[in-house]
Amino acid sequence: MPVVEEARAKVNLALHVVGRRPDGYHDLDMLVAFAGIGDTVTLTPGDADRFVIDGPMAGDLRADGDNLVLRALRGFRELDGRTDPLAIGLVKRLPVASGIGGGSADAAATLRGLCRLYGRSLDDPAITALALSLGADVPMCLDGRPARVAGVGERIAPTAGKLAFGLLLVNPRVGVSTPAVFRALGRRDNPPLPALPAFGTGTDLAAFLAAGTRNDLEPPAKAIAPAIADVLAALADLPGVRLARMSGSGATCFGLFDDEADARMAGARLAADHPGWWVEPTEGRF
C-alpha cells in the first residue's frame, strides 16, 4: 500500500541571528509554525525506482540526484541497508527556494514515510542525524510541530500547538539565495528572543511578535530583492492583518490574522491586485 506524507510549509514567525560558529554556520533563535498547506510525498513499493514530480510548481524543480527527496532516500538506504524498489511521487505546491522550507519539508516527509514503511522510529538518533545532514531545516520539519528552535536548527522545543490563527502566505515569484542573504547580514550577534509568555489568542501572539521579535534576515533580503518590500507593504495594508513579516531568508512573506476566514478574504483582495504573485491563505498553529 502507498504511504502518503504531507510536507507542510514551515513559517518563521521570528528569526534572530545570535552568533556565528567557527565552522561558518550561524546560531539562530527562532519561532516556527507550520501552515495548513504544503507538498505531498507518496511512497509506493514497486518493481523499479521511479521519481515523478507534478503539481503547480513542478516546472521549477528538477528530478535529479540533488533533489532533497532523493538525497533523503539515499541516506536512509545507506543507514538501513534496504534497497527495495520504490516509486516516489511529489506533488509540488510550494514555491522553490522561498523561505518556507519546501525542499526541507519534502525531505522530512520522505524520511517519515520511509520510517513508516519499514518500521523505524523517528526518534532513532541515526534518523535525527541524517535529517540534520540534509539541511538545517529538515529536523524541525521532521518533527512537524510548532516550536522554538535554536542552534543551527537542531535544538527543538515544541510548543503546545493549540493556538490557531490565520496565515496569508505571499511570494512575489522572485528567487533569493540564502547564502547571499547571510553574507549581506550587517550584524551576526543580535539579541535572542525574549521569554515566551502564555498566549490566549492569536492577537496576543501577534502583539508579542510585533513588540519584541523580528526576522534579522529581512533587511538584507529586501536589499537583494526589493520586491519583498512591496509584498510586506501590501500585506500591512490589508484589513485585519495583525503582523506582516518575511519568513526565513525570503522571498515568501506572511500576514498574521485572527482566523483563517479573515486571511482568505484578505487573500482574495491581494490576489486580485497582484495576479503575478503566489498568494495562499491558510491556517497556522503555535
Protein backbone atom coordinates (compact mmCIF):
# COMPACT_ATOMS: atom_id res chain seq x y z
CA MET A 1 0.00 0.00 0.00
CA PRO A 2 1.23 3.53 -0.71
CA VAL A 3 2.46 5.64 2.20
CA VAL A 4 1.40 9.29 1.95
CA GLU A 5 3.04 12.09 3.93
CA GLU A 6 2.23 15.81 3.92
CA ALA A 7 5.16 18.24 3.67
CA ARG A 8 3.67 21.36 5.24
CA ALA A 9 5.13 24.82 4.78
CA LYS A 10 7.36 25.98 7.63
CA VAL A 11 6.87 29.62 8.64
CA ASN A 12 9.44 31.55 10.69
CA LEU A 13 7.29 33.76 12.90
CA ALA A 14 10.56 35.18 14.26
CA LEU A 15 14.20 34.58 13.34
CA HIS A 16 17.05 36.06 15.38
CA VAL A 17 20.66 35.57 14.28
CA VAL A 18 22.51 35.41 17.60
CA GLY A 19 26.03 34.30 16.67
CA ARG A 20 28.36 32.68 14.19
CA ARG A 21 30.20 29.42 14.79
CA PRO A 22 33.82 28.71 13.87
CA ASP A 23 32.59 26.40 11.09
CA GLY A 24 30.78 29.35 9.48
CA TYR A 25 27.25 28.29 10.40
CA HIS A 26 25.05 30.76 12.24
CA ASP A 27 23.40 30.26 15.63
CA LEU A 28 19.73 31.11 15.38
CA ASP A 29 16.84 31.58 17.80
CA MET A 30 13.50 31.07 16.03
CA LEU A 31 9.79 30.63 16.49
CA VAL A 32 8.45 28.20 13.90
CA ALA A 33 4.87 27.47 12.91
CA PHE A 34 3.54 25.10 10.26
CA ALA A 35 0.90 26.07 7.73
CA GLY A 36 -2.09 24.06 6.62
CA ILE A 37 -0.76 23.88 3.05
CA GLY A 38 2.25 22.12 1.60
CA ASP A 39 3.55 19.47 -0.76
CA THR A 40 2.66 15.77 -0.71
CA VAL A 41 5.08 12.82 -0.88
CA THR A 42 3.81 9.34 -1.78
CA LEU A 43 5.96 6.20 -1.47
CA THR A 44 4.80 3.07 -3.28
CA PRO A 45 6.72 -0.23 -3.29
CA GLY A 46 7.18 -1.41 -6.86
CA ASP A 47 9.41 -3.19 -9.32
CA ALA A 48 11.77 -0.27 -10.04
CA ASP A 49 12.83 3.06 -8.58
CA ARG A 50 10.90 6.00 -10.01
CA PHE A 51 10.62 9.64 -9.02
CA VAL A 52 7.88 11.79 -10.53
CA ILE A 53 7.18 15.44 -9.72
CA ASP A 54 3.90 17.10 -10.58
CA GLY A 55 1.74 19.88 -9.21
CA PRO A 56 1.63 23.63 -9.91
CA MET A 57 5.30 24.22 -9.03
CA ALA A 58 6.71 21.08 -10.67
CA GLY A 59 8.27 23.05 -13.51
CA ASP A 60 10.63 24.84 -11.10
CA LEU A 61 12.17 21.65 -9.73
CA ARG A 62 14.41 19.04 -11.28
CA ALA A 63 14.04 15.34 -10.53
CA ASP A 64 17.80 14.75 -10.46
CA GLY A 65 20.14 13.36 -7.85
CA ASP A 66 20.45 16.65 -5.98
CA ASN A 67 16.75 16.75 -5.17
CA LEU A 68 16.31 16.51 -1.41
CA VAL A 69 13.75 13.73 -1.74
CA LEU A 70 16.28 11.50 -3.50
CA ARG A 71 19.05 12.54 -1.10
CA ALA A 72 16.81 11.53 1.81
CA LEU A 73 16.15 8.17 0.14
CA ARG A 74 19.86 7.54 -0.47
CA GLY A 75 20.74 8.48 3.09
CA PHE A 76 18.07 6.20 4.52
CA ARG A 77 19.20 3.28 2.38
CA GLU A 78 22.80 3.73 3.45
CA LEU A 79 21.64 3.77 7.06
CA ASP A 80 19.08 0.97 6.89
CA GLY A 81 20.60 -1.28 4.26
CA ARG A 82 17.35 -1.65 2.31
CA THR A 83 17.27 -1.37 -1.46
CA ASP A 84 13.62 -2.31 -2.13
CA PRO A 85 12.47 -0.51 -5.30
CA LEU A 86 10.22 2.46 -4.63
CA ALA A 87 8.10 4.75 -6.77
CA ILE A 88 8.11 8.22 -5.21
CA GLY A 89 5.63 10.88 -6.22
CA LEU A 90 5.99 14.52 -5.19
CA VAL A 91 3.11 16.93 -5.64
CA LYS A 92 4.85 20.32 -5.57
CA ARG A 93 2.60 23.17 -4.44
CA LEU A 94 5.08 25.38 -2.59
CA PRO A 95 7.42 27.78 -4.40
CA VAL A 96 11.00 26.56 -4.68
CA ALA A 97 13.74 28.24 -2.58
CA SER A 98 11.26 30.60 -0.98
CA GLY A 99 11.97 30.67 2.77
CA ILE A 100 9.18 28.31 3.85
CA GLY A 101 11.17 25.08 3.91
CA GLY A 102 9.65 23.43 0.84
CA GLY A 103 12.62 21.21 -0.02
CA SER A 104 13.35 20.53 3.65
CA ALA A 105 9.72 19.60 4.27
CA ASP A 106 9.83 17.25 1.25
CA ALA A 107 12.96 15.54 2.62
CA ALA A 108 11.41 15.26 6.07
CA ALA A 109 8.19 13.81 4.65
CA THR A 110 10.26 11.28 2.71
CA LEU A 111 12.06 10.22 5.89
CA ARG A 112 8.78 9.96 7.82
CA GLY A 113 7.33 7.83 5.04
CA LEU A 114 10.36 5.56 4.91
CA CYS A 115 10.27 5.08 8.68
CA ARG A 116 6.56 4.17 8.49
CA LEU A 117 7.13 1.83 5.57
CA TYR A 118 9.98 -0.05 7.22
CA GLY A 119 9.01 0.21 10.90
CA ARG A 120 11.80 2.51 12.02
CA SER A 121 11.36 5.04 14.85
CA LEU A 122 11.60 8.74 14.08
CA ASP A 123 13.25 9.10 17.49
CA ASP A 124 16.20 6.98 16.35
CA PRO A 125 19.30 9.21 16.80
CA ALA A 126 20.59 7.96 13.44
CA ILE A 127 17.46 9.30 11.72
CA THR A 128 17.83 12.61 13.53
CA ALA A 129 21.46 12.87 12.44
CA LEU A 130 20.51 12.01 8.86
CA ALA A 131 17.86 14.74 8.88
CA LEU A 132 20.36 17.36 10.06
CA SER A 133 22.90 16.26 7.43
CA LEU A 134 20.31 17.03 4.75
CA GLY A 135 19.80 20.60 5.92
CA ALA A 136 19.30 22.77 8.99
CA ASP A 137 15.51 22.98 8.48
CA VAL A 138 14.97 19.24 7.99
CA PRO A 139 14.94 18.22 11.71
CA MET A 140 12.20 20.75 12.59
CA CYS A 141 10.20 19.69 9.53
CA LEU A 142 10.68 16.05 10.51
CA ASP A 143 9.24 16.84 13.95
CA GLY A 144 6.49 18.85 12.27
CA ARG A 145 5.28 20.69 15.37
CA PRO A 146 5.35 24.41 16.14
CA ALA A 147 8.42 25.09 18.23
CA ARG A 148 11.13 27.37 19.48
CA VAL A 149 14.22 26.27 17.57
CA ALA A 150 17.83 27.15 18.40
CA GLY A 151 21.36 26.41 17.25
CA VAL A 152 21.56 25.76 13.53
CA GLY A 153 18.14 24.13 13.78
CA GLU A 154 18.89 21.05 15.86
CA ARG A 155 17.57 22.23 19.26
CA ILE A 156 13.79 21.95 19.06
CA ALA A 157 11.42 22.79 21.91
CA PRO A 158 7.84 22.15 20.73
CA THR A 159 5.05 24.46 21.86
CA ALA A 160 1.51 23.37 22.72
CA GLY A 161 0.31 23.92 19.17
CA LYS A 162 -3.22 24.73 20.37
CA LEU A 163 -3.29 28.37 19.29
CA ALA A 164 -4.84 28.68 15.81
CA PHE A 165 -4.63 31.79 13.63
CA GLY A 166 -4.98 32.87 10.03
CA LEU A 167 -1.95 32.96 7.75
CA LEU A 168 -1.64 34.58 4.36
CA LEU A 169 1.50 33.42 2.53
CA VAL A 170 2.68 35.62 -0.33
CA ASN A 171 5.65 35.20 -2.68
CA PRO A 172 6.44 37.70 -5.46
CA ARG A 173 7.94 34.86 -7.54
CA VAL A 174 11.44 36.23 -7.06
CA GLY A 175 14.27 33.90 -6.12
CA VAL A 176 16.56 34.78 -3.22
CA SER A 177 19.83 33.00 -2.42
CA THR A 178 20.03 32.05 1.25
CA PRO A 179 23.88 32.21 1.32
CA ALA A 180 23.74 35.67 -0.28
CA VAL A 181 21.31 36.88 2.40
CA PHE A 182 23.55 35.61 5.20
CA ARG A 183 26.61 37.18 3.56
CA ALA A 184 24.80 40.53 3.48
CA LEU A 185 23.98 40.48 7.20
CA GLY A 186 25.19 43.63 8.91
CA ARG A 187 25.35 42.05 12.37
CA ARG A 188 25.61 38.42 13.46
CA ASP A 189 25.41 38.71 17.27
CA ASN A 190 21.89 40.05 17.77
CA PRO A 191 19.86 39.64 20.97
CA PRO A 192 17.95 36.35 21.34
CA LEU A 193 14.20 36.01 21.60
CA PRO A 194 12.55 37.22 24.81
CA ALA A 195 10.92 34.68 27.11
CA LEU A 196 7.67 33.32 25.71
CA PRO A 197 4.55 34.28 27.67
CA ALA A 198 1.29 32.33 27.63
CA PHE A 199 -0.76 33.28 24.58
CA GLY A 200 -4.53 33.24 24.90
CA THR A 201 -5.34 34.31 21.35
CA GLY A 202 -3.73 34.88 18.00
CA THR A 203 -3.94 38.59 18.70
CA ASP A 204 -1.77 38.07 21.80
CA LEU A 205 0.77 36.18 19.72
CA ALA A 206 0.83 38.89 17.03
CA ALA A 207 1.29 41.62 19.65
CA PHE A 208 4.21 39.73 21.21
CA LEU A 209 5.84 39.15 17.84
CA ALA A 210 5.46 42.79 16.78
CA ALA A 211 6.77 44.22 20.04
CA GLY A 212 9.79 42.09 20.82
CA THR A 213 10.84 39.94 17.87
CA ARG A 214 12.00 40.29 14.27
CA ASN A 215 13.50 38.49 11.32
CA ASP A 216 17.15 39.54 11.15
CA LEU A 217 17.35 38.27 7.55
CA GLU A 218 14.61 40.61 6.34
CA PRO A 219 16.74 43.77 5.82
CA PRO A 220 19.47 42.09 3.73
CA ALA A 221 16.86 40.10 1.78
CA LYS A 222 14.96 43.29 0.92
CA ALA A 223 18.21 44.88 -0.27
CA ILE A 224 18.81 41.91 -2.58
CA ALA A 225 15.18 41.59 -3.73
CA PRO A 226 13.25 44.88 -3.38
CA ALA A 227 10.04 43.08 -4.35
CA ILE A 228 9.96 41.74 -0.79
CA ALA A 229 9.38 45.28 0.50
CA ASP A 230 6.47 45.60 -1.95
CA VAL A 231 4.90 42.41 -0.60
CA LEU A 232 5.32 43.50 3.01
CA ALA A 233 3.77 46.90 2.28
CA ALA A 234 0.82 45.27 0.53
CA LEU A 235 0.30 42.84 3.41
CA ALA A 236 0.48 45.60 6.01
CA ASP A 237 -2.27 47.49 4.16
CA LEU A 238 -4.79 44.63 4.28
CA PRO A 239 -7.79 44.87 6.62
CA GLY A 240 -7.47 42.66 9.69
CA VAL A 241 -3.76 41.97 9.41
CA ARG A 242 -2.01 41.81 12.78
CA LEU A 243 1.57 41.42 11.57
CA ALA A 244 3.40 41.38 8.22
CA ARG A 245 6.84 39.76 8.12
CA MET A 246 9.19 37.76 5.91
CA SER A 247 9.73 34.05 6.56
CA GLY A 248 13.21 32.54 6.60
CA SER A 249 15.56 34.10 4.06
CA GLY A 250 12.66 35.01 1.75
CA ALA A 251 11.15 35.82 -0.52
CA THR A 252 7.90 34.46 0.96
CA CYS A 253 6.23 36.79 3.43
CA PHE A 254 3.22 36.24 5.66
CA GLY A 255 0.37 38.16 7.17
CA LEU A 256 -0.96 37.08 10.55
CA PHE A 257 -4.75 37.27 11.05
CA ASP A 258 -7.17 36.39 13.83
CA ASP A 259 -8.55 33.42 11.88
CA GLU A 260 -8.42 31.67 8.53
CA ALA A 261 -11.61 33.34 7.30
CA ASP A 262 -10.01 36.78 7.65
CA ALA A 263 -6.89 35.51 5.86
CA ARG A 264 -8.99 34.17 2.98
CA MET A 265 -10.87 37.45 2.50
CA ALA A 266 -7.61 39.39 2.53
CA GLY A 267 -6.01 36.87 0.19
CA ALA A 268 -8.77 37.25 -2.39
CA ARG A 269 -8.23 41.01 -2.43
CA LEU A 270 -4.45 40.71 -2.67
CA ALA A 271 -4.57 38.11 -5.43
CA ALA A 272 -6.85 40.37 -7.47
CA ASP A 273 -4.50 43.33 -7.02
CA HIS A 274 -1.33 41.30 -7.74
CA PRO A 275 -2.16 38.43 -10.12
CA GLY A 276 1.55 37.68 -10.68
CA TRP A 277 2.17 36.84 -7.01
CA TRP A 278 1.73 33.46 -5.32
CA VAL A 279 -0.96 34.09 -2.70
CA GLU A 280 -2.15 31.32 -0.36
CA PRO A 281 -4.45 31.80 2.66
CA THR A 282 -4.37 29.03 5.23
CA GLU A 283 -4.29 28.31 8.98
CA GLY A 284 -1.27 28.23 11.28
CA ARG A 285 -0.82 26.87 14.78
CA PHE A 286 1.58 27.70 17.58
